[in-house]
Amino acid sequence: MARAATTSDAFNAIAEPQRRDILALLRAGERPVTELAQELGISQPRTSKHLRVLREVGLVRVREAGKQRLYGLEAHGLRPVHEWVGGFERFWNESFDRLDTYVQDLKQTQQEE
């Protein structure tokens, strides 16, 4: 089975940990590539490559500000990821409910001993 291109969708793009780190940094606001590269401890060309991929899937936007290009988060691009992860909410709620019941039963048993 051929591997999907990293630019095909948000899921493939965020599979790369450094791209997730970039998105996390952009939550605080727009930043130039030089700051992102410095913060991540990776080269500017590598950071630019990651930003290109994130732009192609609609997770990052760029705007000119004087001589700088400022990158910002396009949060609506994460909607497919959010919706997919949200589908597991019921699973986690039921798991936590079962864990809570187990802990309560364990406490009750310990008090009776």
PDB file of N, CA and C in Angstrom:
ATOM      1  N   MET A   1       0.845  -1.176   0.000  1.00  0.00           N
ATOM      2  CA  MET A   1       0.000   0.000   0.000  1.00  0.00           C
ATOM      3  C   MET A   1       0.888   1.236   0.000  1.00  0.00           C
ATOM      4  N   ALA A   2       0.645   2.102  -0.933  1.00  0.00           N
ATOM      5  CA  ALA A   2       1.438   3.323  -1.030  1.00  0.00           C
ATOM      6  C   ALA A   2       1.115   4.264   0.113  1.00  0.00           C
ATOM      7  N   ARG A   3       2.124   4.923   0.582  1.00  0.00           N
ATOM      8  CA  ARG A   3       1.948   5.887   1.669  1.00  0.00           C
ATOM      9  C   ARG A   3       1.356   7.174   1.108  1.00  0.00           C
ATOM     10  N   ALA A   4       0.412   7.750   1.830  1.00  0.00           N
ATOM     11  CA  ALA A   4      -0.218   8.992   1.391  1.00  0.00           C
ATOM     12  C   ALA A   4       0.762  10.153   1.489  1.00  0.00           C
ATOM     13  N   ALA A   5       0.640  11.075   0.578  1.00  0.00           N
ATOM     14  CA  ALA A   5       1.486  12.264   0.607  1.00  0.00           C
ATOM     15  C   ALA A   5       1.209  13.074   1.858  1.00  0.00           C
ATOM     16  N   THR A   6       2.249  13.727   2.380  1.00  0.00           N
ATOM     17  CA  THR A   6       2.067  14.496   3.610  1.00  0.00           C
ATOM     18  C   THR A   6       1.224  15.736   3.389  1.00  0.00           C
ATOM     19  N   THR A   7       1.009  16.093   2.153  1.00  0.00           N
ATOM     20  CA  THR A   7       0.224  17.288   1.883  1.00  0.00           C
ATOM     21  C   THR A   7      -1.217  16.974   1.511  1.00  0.00           C
ATOM     22  N   SER A   8      -1.628  15.738   1.662  1.00  0.00           N
ATOM     23  CA  SER A   8      -2.976  15.391   1.226  1.00  0.00           C
ATOM     24  C   SER A   8      -4.066  15.869   2.173  1.00  0.00           C
ATOM     25  N   ASP A   9      -3.801  15.881   3.463  1.00  0.00           N
ATOM     26  CA  ASP A   9      -4.812  16.355   4.413  1.00  0.00           C
ATOM     27  C   ASP A   9      -4.166  16.689   5.763  1.00  0.00           C
ATOM     28  N   ALA A  10      -4.981  17.221   6.651  1.00  0.00           N
ATOM     29  CA  ALA A  10      -4.470  17.650   7.955  1.00  0.00           C
ATOM     30  C   ALA A  10      -3.908  16.477   8.751  1.00  0.00           C
ATOM     31  N   PHE A  11      -4.509  15.310   8.640  1.00  0.00           N
ATOM     32  CA  PHE A  11      -4.031  14.152   9.402  1.00  0.00           C
ATOM     33  C   PHE A  11      -2.593  13.803   9.023  1.00  0.00           C
ATOM     34  N   ASN A  12      -2.321  13.759   7.742  1.00  0.00           N
ATOM     35  CA  ASN A  12      -0.969  13.446   7.294  1.00  0.00           C
ATOM     36  C   ASN A  12      -0.003  14.549   7.699  1.00  0.00           C
ATOM     37  N   ALA A  13      -0.433  15.784   7.576  1.00  0.00           N
ATOM     38  CA  ALA A  13       0.456  16.904   7.894  1.00  0.00           C
ATOM     39  C   ALA A  13       0.844  16.911   9.362  1.00  0.00           C
ATOM     40  N   ILE A  14      -0.087  16.635  10.253  1.00  0.00           N
ATOM     41  CA  ILE A  14       0.239  16.707  11.683  1.00  0.00           C
ATOM     42  C   ILE A  14       0.825  15.401  12.216  1.00  0.00           C
ATOM     43  N   ALA A  15       1.000  14.423  11.356  1.00  0.00           N
ATOM     44  CA  ALA A  15       1.682  13.198  11.783  1.00  0.00           C
ATOM     45  C   ALA A  15       3.142  13.471  12.116  1.00  0.00           C
ATOM     46  N   GLU A  16       3.693  14.514  11.567  1.00  0.00           N
ATOM     47  CA  GLU A  16       5.081  14.909  11.820  1.00  0.00           C
ATOM     48  C   GLU A  16       5.131  15.731  13.124  1.00  0.00           C
ATOM     49  N   PRO A  17       5.873  15.267  14.138  1.00  0.00           N
ATOM     50  CA  PRO A  17       5.893  15.955  15.439  1.00  0.00           C
ATOM     51  C   PRO A  17       6.304  17.424  15.381  1.00  0.00           C
ATOM     52  N   GLN A  18       7.273  17.761  14.537  1.00  0.00           N
ATOM     53  CA  GLN A  18       7.702  19.168  14.497  1.00  0.00           C
ATOM     54  C   GLN A  18       6.611  20.062  13.918  1.00  0.00           C
ATOM     55  N   ARG A  19       5.770  19.524  13.057  1.00  0.00           N
ATOM     56  CA  ARG A  19       4.643  20.330  12.554  1.00  0.00           C
ATOM     57  C   ARG A  19       3.633  20.570  13.664  1.00  0.00           C
ATOM     58  N   ARG A  20       3.436  19.570  14.503  1.00  0.00           N
ATOM     59  CA  ARG A  20       2.538  19.780  15.655  1.00  0.00           C
ATOM     60  C   ARG A  20       3.128  20.827  16.588  1.00  0.00           C
ATOM     61  N   ASP A  21       4.464  20.800  16.763  1.00  0.00           N
ATOM     62  CA  ASP A  21       5.116  21.811  17.607  1.00  0.00           C
ATOM     63  C   ASP A  21       4.921  23.210  17.019  1.00  0.00           C
ATOM     64  N   ILE A  22       5.018  23.325  15.703  1.00  0.00           N
ATOM     65  CA  ILE A  22       4.811  24.622  15.049  1.00  0.00           C
ATOM     66  C   ILE A  22       3.387  25.109  15.308  1.00  0.00           C
ATOM     67  N   LEU A  23       2.426  24.231  15.137  1.00  0.00           N
ATOM     68  CA  LEU A  23       1.024  24.622  15.373  1.00  0.00           C
ATOM     69  C   LEU A  23       0.830  25.058  16.822  1.00  0.00           C
ATOM     70  N   ALA A  24       1.468  24.357  17.735  1.00  0.00           N
ATOM     71  CA  ALA A  24       1.339  24.717  19.154  1.00  0.00           C
ATOM     72  C   ALA A  24       1.918  26.111  19.399  1.00  0.00           C
ATOM     73  N   LEU A  25       3.042  26.419  18.777  1.00  0.00           N
ATOM     74  CA  LEU A  25       3.641  27.748  18.951  1.00  0.00           C
ATOM     75  C   LEU A  25       2.758  28.832  18.351  1.00  0.00           C
ATOM     76  N   LEU A  26       2.096  28.520  17.245  1.00  0.00           N
ATOM     77  CA  LEU A  26       1.263  29.522  16.574  1.00  0.00           C
ATOM     78  C   LEU A  26      -0.057  29.785  17.302  1.00  0.00           C
ATOM     79  N   ARG A  27      -0.387  28.945  18.271  1.00  0.00           N
ATOM     80  CA  ARG A  27      -1.598  29.210  19.067  1.00  0.00           C
ATOM     81  C   ARG A  27      -1.501  30.551  19.771  1.00  0.00           C
ATOM     82  N   ALA A  28      -0.282  30.969  20.109  1.00  0.00           N
ATOM     83  CA  ALA A  28      -0.080  32.235  20.821  1.00  0.00           C
ATOM     84  C   ALA A  28      -0.143  33.436  19.893  1.00  0.00           C
ATOM     85  N   GLY A  29      -0.118  33.209  18.578  1.00  0.00           N
ATOM     86  CA  GLY A  29      -0.201  34.312  17.632  1.00  0.00           C
ATOM     87  C   GLY A  29       0.793  34.155  16.497  1.00  0.00           C
ATOM     88  N   GLU A  30       0.742  35.107  15.590  1.00  0.00           N
ATOM     89  CA  GLU A  30       1.592  35.077  14.397  1.00  0.00           C
ATOM     90  C   GLU A  30       3.068  35.207  14.774  1.00  0.00           C
ATOM     91  N   ARG A  31       3.905  34.517  13.974  1.00  0.00           N
ATOM     92  CA  ARG A  31       5.349  34.583  14.215  1.00  0.00           C
ATOM     93  C   ARG A  31       6.077  34.412  12.893  1.00  0.00           C
ATOM     94  N   PRO A  32       7.249  35.046  12.773  1.00  0.00           N
ATOM     95  CA  PRO A  32       8.062  34.838  11.571  1.00  0.00           C
ATOM     96  C   PRO A  32       8.788  33.493  11.664  1.00  0.00           C
ATOM     97  N   VAL A  33       9.194  33.010  10.504  1.00  0.00           N
ATOM     98  CA  VAL A  33       9.846  31.702  10.454  1.00  0.00           C
ATOM     99  C   VAL A  33      11.119  31.666  11.289  1.00  0.00           C
ATOM    100  N   THR A  34      11.838  32.789  11.359  1.00  0.00           N
ATOM    101  CA  THR A  34      13.085  32.804  12.130  1.00  0.00           C
ATOM    102  C   THR A  34      12.827  32.525  13.606  1.00  0.00           C
ATOM    103  N   GLU A  35      11.785  33.106  14.146  1.00  0.00           N
ATOM    104  CA  GLU A  35      11.456  32.862  15.555  1.00  0.00           C
ATOM    105  C   GLU A  35      11.025  31.423  15.772  1.00  0.00           C
ATOM    106  N   LEU A  36      10.218  30.903  14.850  1.00  0.00           N
ATOM    107  CA  LEU A  36       9.766  29.518  14.977  1.00  0.00           C
ATOM    108  C   LEU A  36      10.960  28.565  14.943  1.00  0.00           C
ATOM    109  N   ALA A  37      11.874  28.803  13.993  1.00  0.00           N
ATOM    110  CA  ALA A  37      13.052  27.940  13.862  1.00  0.00           C
ATOM    111  C   ALA A  37      13.897  27.980  15.125  1.00  0.00           C
ATOM    112  N   GLN A  38      14.090  29.187  15.648  1.00  0.00           N
ATOM    113  CA  GLN A  38      14.897  29.338  16.856  1.00  0.00           C
ATOM    114  C   GLN A  38      14.243  28.628  18.042  1.00  0.00           C
ATOM    115  N   GLU A  39      12.945  28.820  18.177  1.00  0.00           N
ATOM    116  CA  GLU A  39      12.229  28.199  19.300  1.00  0.00           C
ATOM    117  C   GLU A  39      12.255  26.672  19.221  1.00  0.00           C
ATOM    118  N   LEU A  40      12.163  26.151  18.006  1.00  0.00           N
ATOM    119  CA  LEU A  40      12.137  24.703  17.812  1.00  0.00           C
ATOM    120  C   LEU A  40      13.533  24.096  17.798  1.00  0.00           C
ATOM    121  N   GLY A  41      14.551  24.927  17.601  1.00  0.00           N
ATOM    122  CA  GLY A  41      15.915  24.413  17.544  1.00  0.00           C
ATOM    123  C   GLY A  41      16.204  23.660  16.260  1.00  0.00           C
ATOM    124  N   ILE A  42      15.549  24.054  15.182  1.00  0.00           N
ATOM    125  CA  ILE A  42      15.791  23.440  13.877  1.00  0.00           C
ATOM    126  C   ILE A  42      16.123  24.547  12.876  1.00  0.00           C
ATOM    127  N   SER A  43      16.648  24.162  11.732  1.00  0.00           N
ATOM    128  CA  SER A  43      17.083  25.155  10.748  1.00  0.00           C
ATOM    129  C   SER A  43      15.880  25.901  10.159  1.00  0.00           C
ATOM    130  N   GLN A  44      16.167  27.091   9.649  1.00  0.00           N
ATOM    131  CA  GLN A  44      15.098  27.870   9.009  1.00  0.00           C
ATOM    132  C   GLN A  44      14.566  27.173   7.753  1.00  0.00           C
ATOM    133  N   PRO A  45      15.439  26.594   6.896  1.00  0.00           N
ATOM    134  CA  PRO A  45      14.890  25.891   5.723  1.00  0.00           C
ATOM    135  C   PRO A  45      13.971  24.725   6.103  1.00  0.00           C
ATOM    136  N   ARG A  46      14.356  24.007   7.153  1.00  0.00           N
ATOM    137  CA  ARG A  46      13.503  22.879   7.588  1.00  0.00           C
ATOM    138  C   ARG A  46      12.166  23.408   8.128  1.00  0.00           C
ATOM    139  N   THR A  47      12.236  24.490   8.887  1.00  0.00           N
ATOM    140  CA  THR A  47      11.003  25.084   9.415  1.00  0.00           C
ATOM    141  C   THR A  47      10.126  25.569   8.264  1.00  0.00           C
ATOM    142  N   SER A  48      10.753  26.196   7.264  1.00  0.00           N
ATOM    143  CA  SER A  48       9.991  26.676   6.104  1.00  0.00           C
ATOM    144  C   SER A  48       9.332  25.520   5.365  1.00  0.00           C
ATOM    145  N   LYS A  49      10.027  24.407   5.264  1.00  0.00           N
ATOM    146  CA  LYS A  49       9.455  23.229   4.603  1.00  0.00           C
ATOM    147  C   LYS A  49       8.210  22.738   5.355  1.00  0.00           C
ATOM    148  N   HIS A  50       8.311  22.695   6.668  1.00  0.00           N
ATOM    149  CA  HIS A  50       7.150  22.274   7.464  1.00  0.00           C
ATOM    150  C   HIS A  50       5.993  23.274   7.304  1.00  0.00           C
ATOM    151  N   LEU A  51       6.331  24.555   7.297  1.00  0.00           N
ATOM    152  CA  LEU A  51       5.290  25.580   7.138  1.00  0.00           C
ATOM    153  C   LEU A  51       4.610  25.463   5.773  1.00  0.00           C
ATOM    154  N   ARG A  52       5.387  25.133   4.732  1.00  0.00           N
ATOM    155  CA  ARG A  52       4.803  24.955   3.395  1.00  0.00           C
ATOM    156  C   ARG A  52       3.769  23.831   3.409  1.00  0.00           C
ATOM    157  N   VAL A  53       4.123  22.728   4.052  1.00  0.00           N
ATOM    158  CA  VAL A  53       3.187  21.595   4.130  1.00  0.00           C
ATOM    159  C   VAL A  53       1.926  22.010   4.899  1.00  0.00           C
ATOM    160  N   LEU A  54       2.128  22.701   6.010  1.00  0.00           N
ATOM    161  CA  LEU A  54       0.977  23.123   6.822  1.00  0.00           C
ATOM    162  C   LEU A  54       0.091  24.108   6.056  1.00  0.00           C
ATOM    163  N   ARG A  55       0.709  24.946   5.238  1.00  0.00           N
ATOM    164  CA  ARG A  55      -0.075  25.880   4.404  1.00  0.00           C
ATOM    165  C   ARG A  55      -0.872  25.134   3.342  1.00  0.00           C
ATOM    166  N   GLU A  56      -0.257  24.143   2.741  1.00  0.00           N
ATOM    167  CA  GLU A  56      -0.917  23.416   1.657  1.00  0.00           C
ATOM    168  C   GLU A  56      -2.172  22.680   2.114  1.00  0.00           C
ATOM    169  N   VAL A  57      -2.217  22.305   3.374  1.00  0.00           N
ATOM    170  CA  VAL A  57      -3.408  21.614   3.881  1.00  0.00           C
ATOM    171  C   VAL A  57      -4.337  22.565   4.637  1.00  0.00           C
ATOM    172  N   GLY A  58      -4.004  23.855   4.636  1.00  0.00           N
ATOM    173  CA  GLY A  58      -4.906  24.851   5.220  1.00  0.00           C
ATOM    174  C   GLY A  58      -4.822  25.000   6.721  1.00  0.00           C
ATOM    175  N   LEU A  59      -3.693  24.625   7.316  1.00  0.00           N
ATOM    176  CA  LEU A  59      -3.559  24.764   8.762  1.00  0.00           C
ATOM    177  C   LEU A  59      -2.819  26.031   9.174  1.00  0.00           C
ATOM    178  N   VAL A  60      -2.135  26.638   8.215  1.00  0.00           N
ATOM    179  CA  VAL A  60      -1.345  27.844   8.487  1.00  0.00           C
ATOM    180  C   VAL A  60      -1.571  28.839   7.360  1.00  0.00           C
ATOM    181  N   ARG A  61      -1.607  30.114   7.718  1.00  0.00           N
ATOM    182  CA  ARG A  61      -1.693  31.183   6.718  1.00  0.00           C
ATOM    183  C   ARG A  61      -0.460  32.045   6.873  1.00  0.00           C
ATOM    184  N   VAL A  62      -0.180  32.827   5.838  1.00  0.00           N
ATOM    185  CA  VAL A  62       0.966  33.723   5.908  1.00  0.00           C
ATOM    186  C   VAL A  62       0.544  35.077   5.383  1.00  0.00           C
ATOM    187  N   ARG A  63       1.129  36.125   5.986  1.00  0.00           N
ATOM    188  CA  ARG A  63       0.869  37.476   5.492  1.00  0.00           C
ATOM    189  C   ARG A  63       2.169  38.264   5.562  1.00  0.00           C
ATOM    190  N   GLU A  64       2.245  39.212   4.652  1.00  0.00           N
ATOM    191  CA  GLU A  64       3.425  40.065   4.596  1.00  0.00           C
ATOM    192  C   GLU A  64       3.260  41.194   5.599  1.00  0.00           C
ATOM    193  N   ALA A  65       4.325  41.484   6.330  1.00  0.00           N
ATOM    194  CA  ALA A  65       4.346  42.603   7.276  1.00  0.00           C
ATOM    195  C   ALA A  65       5.705  43.267   7.140  1.00  0.00           C
ATOM    196  N   GLY A  66       5.778  44.241   6.236  1.00  0.00           N
ATOM    197  CA  GLY A  66       7.071  44.849   5.942  1.00  0.00           C
ATOM    198  C   GLY A  66       7.950  43.841   5.226  1.00  0.00           C
ATOM    199  N   LYS A  67       9.128  43.610   5.773  1.00  0.00           N
ATOM    200  CA  LYS A  67      10.037  42.638   5.170  1.00  0.00           C
ATOM    201  C   LYS A  67       9.817  41.227   5.701  1.00  0.00           C
ATOM    202  N   GLN A  68       8.935  41.106   6.656  1.00  0.00           N
ATOM    203  CA  GLN A  68       8.703  39.797   7.271  1.00  0.00           C
ATOM    204  C   GLN A  68       7.461  39.125   6.708  1.00  0.00           C
ATOM    205  N   ARG A  69       7.498  37.826   6.757  1.00  0.00           N
ATOM    206  CA  ARG A  69       6.319  37.006   6.471  1.00  0.00           C
ATOM    207  C   ARG A  69       5.909  36.397   7.803  1.00  0.00           C
ATOM    208  N   LEU A  70       4.711  36.743   8.232  1.00  0.00           N
ATOM    209  CA  LEU A  70       4.226  36.241   9.519  1.00  0.00           C
ATOM    210  C   LEU A  70       3.285  35.073   9.286  1.00  0.00           C
ATOM    211  N   TYR A  71       3.546  33.997  10.005  1.00  0.00           N
ATOM    212  CA  TYR A  71       2.726  32.790   9.894  1.00  0.00           C
ATOM    213  C   TYR A  71       1.745  32.749  11.058  1.00  0.00           C
ATOM    214  N   GLY A  72       0.530  32.361  10.734  1.00  0.00           N
ATOM    215  CA  GLY A  72      -0.507  32.270  11.752  1.00  0.00           C
ATOM    216  C   GLY A  72      -1.295  30.988  11.610  1.00  0.00           C
ATOM    217  N   LEU A  73      -1.959  30.622  12.653  1.00  0.00           N
ATOM    218  CA  LEU A  73      -2.748  29.392  12.701  1.00  0.00           C
ATOM    219  C   LEU A  73      -4.074  29.581  11.978  1.00  0.00           C
ATOM    220  N   GLU A  74      -4.451  28.617  11.163  1.00  0.00           N
ATOM    221  CA  GLU A  74      -5.777  28.571  10.535  1.00  0.00           C
ATOM    222  C   GLU A  74      -6.541  27.449  11.233  1.00  0.00           C
ATOM    223  N   ALA A  75      -7.117  27.792  12.364  1.00  0.00           N
ATOM    224  CA  ALA A  75      -7.723  26.776  13.224  1.00  0.00           C
ATOM    225  C   ALA A  75      -8.835  25.991  12.532  1.00  0.00           C
ATOM    226  N   HIS A  76      -9.554  26.638  11.596  1.00  0.00           N
ATOM    227  CA  HIS A  76     -10.660  25.904  10.953  1.00  0.00           C
ATOM    228  C   HIS A  76     -10.141  24.702  10.160  1.00  0.00           C
ATOM    229  N   GLY A  77      -8.867  24.719   9.785  1.00  0.00           N
ATOM    230  CA  GLY A  77      -8.279  23.576   9.079  1.00  0.00           C
ATOM    231  C   GLY A  77      -8.163  22.338   9.954  1.00  0.00           C
ATOM    232  N   LEU A  78      -8.200  22.549  11.271  1.00  0.00           N
ATOM    233  CA  LEU A  78      -8.126  21.425  12.198  1.00  0.00           C
ATOM    234  C   LEU A  78      -9.484  20.788  12.457  1.00  0.00           C
ATOM    235  N   ARG A  79     -10.542  21.346  11.873  1.00  0.00           N
ATOM    236  CA  ARG A  79     -11.890  20.837  12.129  1.00  0.00           C
ATOM    237  C   ARG A  79     -12.013  19.334  11.847  1.00  0.00           C
ATOM    238  N   PRO A  80     -11.505  18.817  10.714  1.00  0.00           N
ATOM    239  CA  PRO A  80     -11.632  17.367  10.489  1.00  0.00           C
ATOM    240  C   PRO A  80     -10.961  16.536  11.579  1.00  0.00           C
ATOM    241  N   VAL A  81      -9.828  17.016  12.078  1.00  0.00           N
ATOM    242  CA  VAL A  81      -9.131  16.297  13.143  1.00  0.00           C
ATOM    243  C   VAL A  81      -9.948  16.363  14.425  1.00  0.00           C
ATOM    244  N   HIS A  82     -10.453  17.545  14.735  1.00  0.00           N
ATOM    245  CA  HIS A  82     -11.264  17.733  15.940  1.00  0.00           C
ATOM    246  C   HIS A  82     -12.511  16.857  15.906  1.00  0.00           C
ATOM    247  N   GLU A  83     -13.172  16.837  14.757  1.00  0.00           N
ATOM    248  CA  GLU A  83     -14.388  16.031  14.637  1.00  0.00           C
ATOM    249  C   GLU A  83     -14.082  14.545  14.768  1.00  0.00           C
ATOM    250  N   TRP A  84     -12.982  14.104  14.199  1.00  0.00           N
ATOM    251  CA  TRP A  84     -12.619  12.694  14.285  1.00  0.00           C
ATOM    252  C   TRP A  84     -12.314  12.307  15.736  1.00  0.00           C
ATOM    253  N   VAL A  85     -11.499  13.124  16.408  1.00  0.00           N
ATOM    254  CA  VAL A  85     -11.141  12.845  17.799  1.00  0.00           C
ATOM    255  C   VAL A  85     -12.383  12.919  18.685  1.00  0.00           C
ATOM    256  N   GLY A  86     -13.277  13.865  18.386  1.00  0.00           N
ATOM    257  CA  GLY A  86     -14.489  14.010  19.168  1.00  0.00           C
ATOM    258  C   GLY A  86     -15.358  12.762  19.119  1.00  0.00           C
ATOM    259  N   GLY A  87     -15.228  11.973  18.076  1.00  0.00           N
ATOM    260  CA  GLY A  87     -15.982  10.727  17.970  1.00  0.00           C
ATOM    261  C   GLY A  87     -15.621   9.721  19.044  1.00  0.00           C
ATOM    262  N   PHE A  88     -14.490   9.922  19.703  1.00  0.00           N
ATOM    263  CA  PHE A  88     -14.055   9.013  20.765  1.00  0.00           C
ATOM    264  C   PHE A  88     -14.496   9.482  22.147  1.00  0.00           C
ATOM    265  N   GLU A  89     -15.184  10.616  22.212  1.00  0.00           N
ATOM    266  CA  GLU A  89     -15.590  11.171  23.493  1.00  0.00           C
ATOM    267  C   GLU A  89     -16.464  10.191  24.278  1.00  0.00           C
ATOM    268  N   ARG A  90     -17.421   9.586  23.594  1.00  0.00           N
ATOM    269  CA  ARG A  90     -18.303   8.630  24.274  1.00  0.00           C
ATOM    270  C   ARG A  90     -17.498   7.458  24.831  1.00  0.00           C
ATOM    271  N   PHE A  91     -16.518   6.964  24.061  1.00  0.00           N
ATOM    272  CA  PHE A  91     -15.664   5.871  24.526  1.00  0.00           C
ATOM    273  C   PHE A  91     -14.948   6.257  25.815  1.00  0.00           C
ATOM    274  N   TRP A  92     -14.342   7.452  25.824  1.00  0.00           N
ATOM    275  CA  TRP A  92     -13.599   7.872  27.013  1.00  0.00           C
ATOM    276  C   TRP A  92     -14.512   8.122  28.198  1.00  0.00           C
ATOM    277  N   ASN A  93     -15.668   8.717  27.945  1.00  0.00           N
ATOM    278  CA  ASN A  93     -16.609   8.941  29.055  1.00  0.00           C
ATOM    279  C   ASN A  93     -17.043   7.629  29.679  1.00  0.00           C
ATOM    280  N   GLU A  94     -17.343   6.637  28.835  1.00  0.00           N
ATOM    281  CA  GLU A  94     -17.748   5.330  29.365  1.00  0.00           C
ATOM    282  C   GLU A  94     -16.593   4.661  30.106  1.00  0.00           C
ATOM    283  N   SER A  95     -15.385   4.807  29.600  1.00  0.00           N
ATOM    284  CA  SER A  95     -14.214   4.221  30.265  1.00  0.00           C
ATOM    285  C   SER A  95     -13.995   4.859  31.638  1.00  0.00           C
ATOM    286  N   PHE A  96     -14.127   6.185  31.700  1.00  0.00           N
ATOM    287  CA  PHE A  96     -13.950   6.866  32.985  1.00  0.00           C
ATOM    288  C   PHE A  96     -15.068   6.494  33.955  1.00  0.00           C
ATOM    289  N   ASP A  97     -16.287   6.338  33.451  1.00  0.00           N
ATOM    290  CA  ASP A  97     -17.389   5.913  34.311  1.00  0.00           C
ATOM    291  C   ASP A  97     -17.113   4.528  34.892  1.00  0.00           C
ATOM    292  N   ARG A  98     -16.625   3.598  34.055  1.00  0.00           N
ATOM    293  CA  ARG A  98     -16.308   2.249  34.544  1.00  0.00           C
ATOM    294  C   ARG A  98     -15.176   2.300  35.563  1.00  0.00           C
ATOM    295  N   LEU A  99     -14.177   3.139  35.323  1.00  0.00           N
ATOM    296  CA  LEU A  99     -13.063   3.279  36.259  1.00  0.00           C
ATOM    297  C   LEU A  99     -13.546   3.862  37.585  1.00  0.00           C
ATOM    298  N   ASP A 100     -14.423   4.846  37.504  1.00  0.00           N
ATOM    299  CA  ASP A 100     -14.970   5.451  38.712  1.00  0.00           C
ATOM    300  C   ASP A 100     -15.752   4.418  39.520  1.00  0.00           C
ATOM    301  N   THR A 101     -16.556   3.605  38.849  1.00  0.00           N
ATOM    302  CA  THR A 101     -17.320   2.564  39.526  1.00  0.00           C
ATOM    303  C   THR A 101     -16.377   1.559  40.184  1.00  0.00           C
ATOM    304  N   TYR A 102     -15.314   1.170  39.487  1.00  0.00           N
ATOM    305  CA  TYR A 102     -14.333   0.225  40.031  1.00  0.00           C
ATOM    306  C   TYR A 102     -13.678   0.802  41.286  1.00  0.00           C
ATOM    307  N   VAL A 103     -13.269   2.066  41.237  1.00  0.00           N
ATOM    308  CA  VAL A 103     -12.603   2.685  42.383  1.00  0.00           C
ATOM    309  C   VAL A 103     -13.565   2.782  43.568  1.00  0.00           C
ATOM    310  N   GLN A 104     -14.807   3.149  43.297  1.00  0.00           N
ATOM    311  CA  GLN A 104     -15.792   3.238  44.384  1.00  0.00           C
ATOM    312  C   GLN A 104     -16.035   1.872  45.011  1.00  0.00           C
ATOM    313  N   ASP A 105     -16.148   0.834  44.178  1.00  0.00           N
ATOM    314  CA  ASP A 105     -16.331  -0.526  44.687  1.00  0.00           C
ATOM    315  C   ASP A 105     -15.126  -0.959  45.506  1.00  0.00           C
ATOM    316  N   LEU A 106     -13.918  -0.627  45.051  1.00  0.00           N
ATOM    317  CA  LEU A 106     -12.693  -0.977  45.765  1.00  0.00           C
ATOM    318  C   LEU A 106     -12.654  -0.295  47.125  1.00  0.00           C
ATOM    319  N   LYS A 107     -13.017   0.988  47.168  1.00  0.00           N
ATOM    320  CA  LYS A 107     -13.049   1.714  48.448  1.00  0.00           C
ATOM    321  C   LYS A 107     -14.065   1.094  49.401  1.00  0.00           C
ATOM    322  N   GLN A 108     -15.218   0.733  48.861  1.00  0.00           N
ATOM    323  CA  GLN A 108     -16.264   0.127  49.685  1.00  0.00           C
ATOM    324  C   GLN A 108     -15.790  -1.198  50.264  1.00  0.00           C
ATOM    325  N   THR A 109     -15.115  -1.992  49.457  1.00  0.00           N
ATOM    326  CA  THR A 109     -14.596  -3.287  49.898  1.00  0.00           C
ATOM    327  C   THR A 109     -13.551  -3.099  50.983  1.00  0.00           C
ATOM    328  N   GLN A 110     -12.684  -2.103  50.832  1.00  0.00           N
ATOM    329  CA  GLN A 110     -11.629  -1.843  51.814  1.00  0.00           C
ATOM    330  C   GLN A 110     -12.221  -1.356  53.132  1.00  0.00           C
ATOM    331  N   GLN A 111     -13.294  -0.576  53.067  1.00  0.00           N
ATOM    332  CA  GLN A 111     -13.935  -0.093  54.292  1.00  0.00           C
ATOM    333  C   GLN A 111     -14.625  -1.225  55.038  1.00  0.00           C
ATOM    334  N   GLU A 112     -15.121  -2.210  54.304  1.00  0.00           N
ATOM    335  CA  GLU A 112     -15.842  -3.330  54.931  1.00  0.00           C
ATOM    336  C   GLU A 112     -14.894  -4.340  55.565  1.00  0.00           C
ATOM    337  N   GLU A 113     -13.615  -4.317  55.126  1.00  0.00           N
ATOM    338  CA  GLU A 113     -12.658  -5.299  55.668  1.00  0.00           C
ATOM    339  C   GLU A 113     -12.116  -4.909  57.016  1.00  0.00           C
TER     340      GLU A 113
END
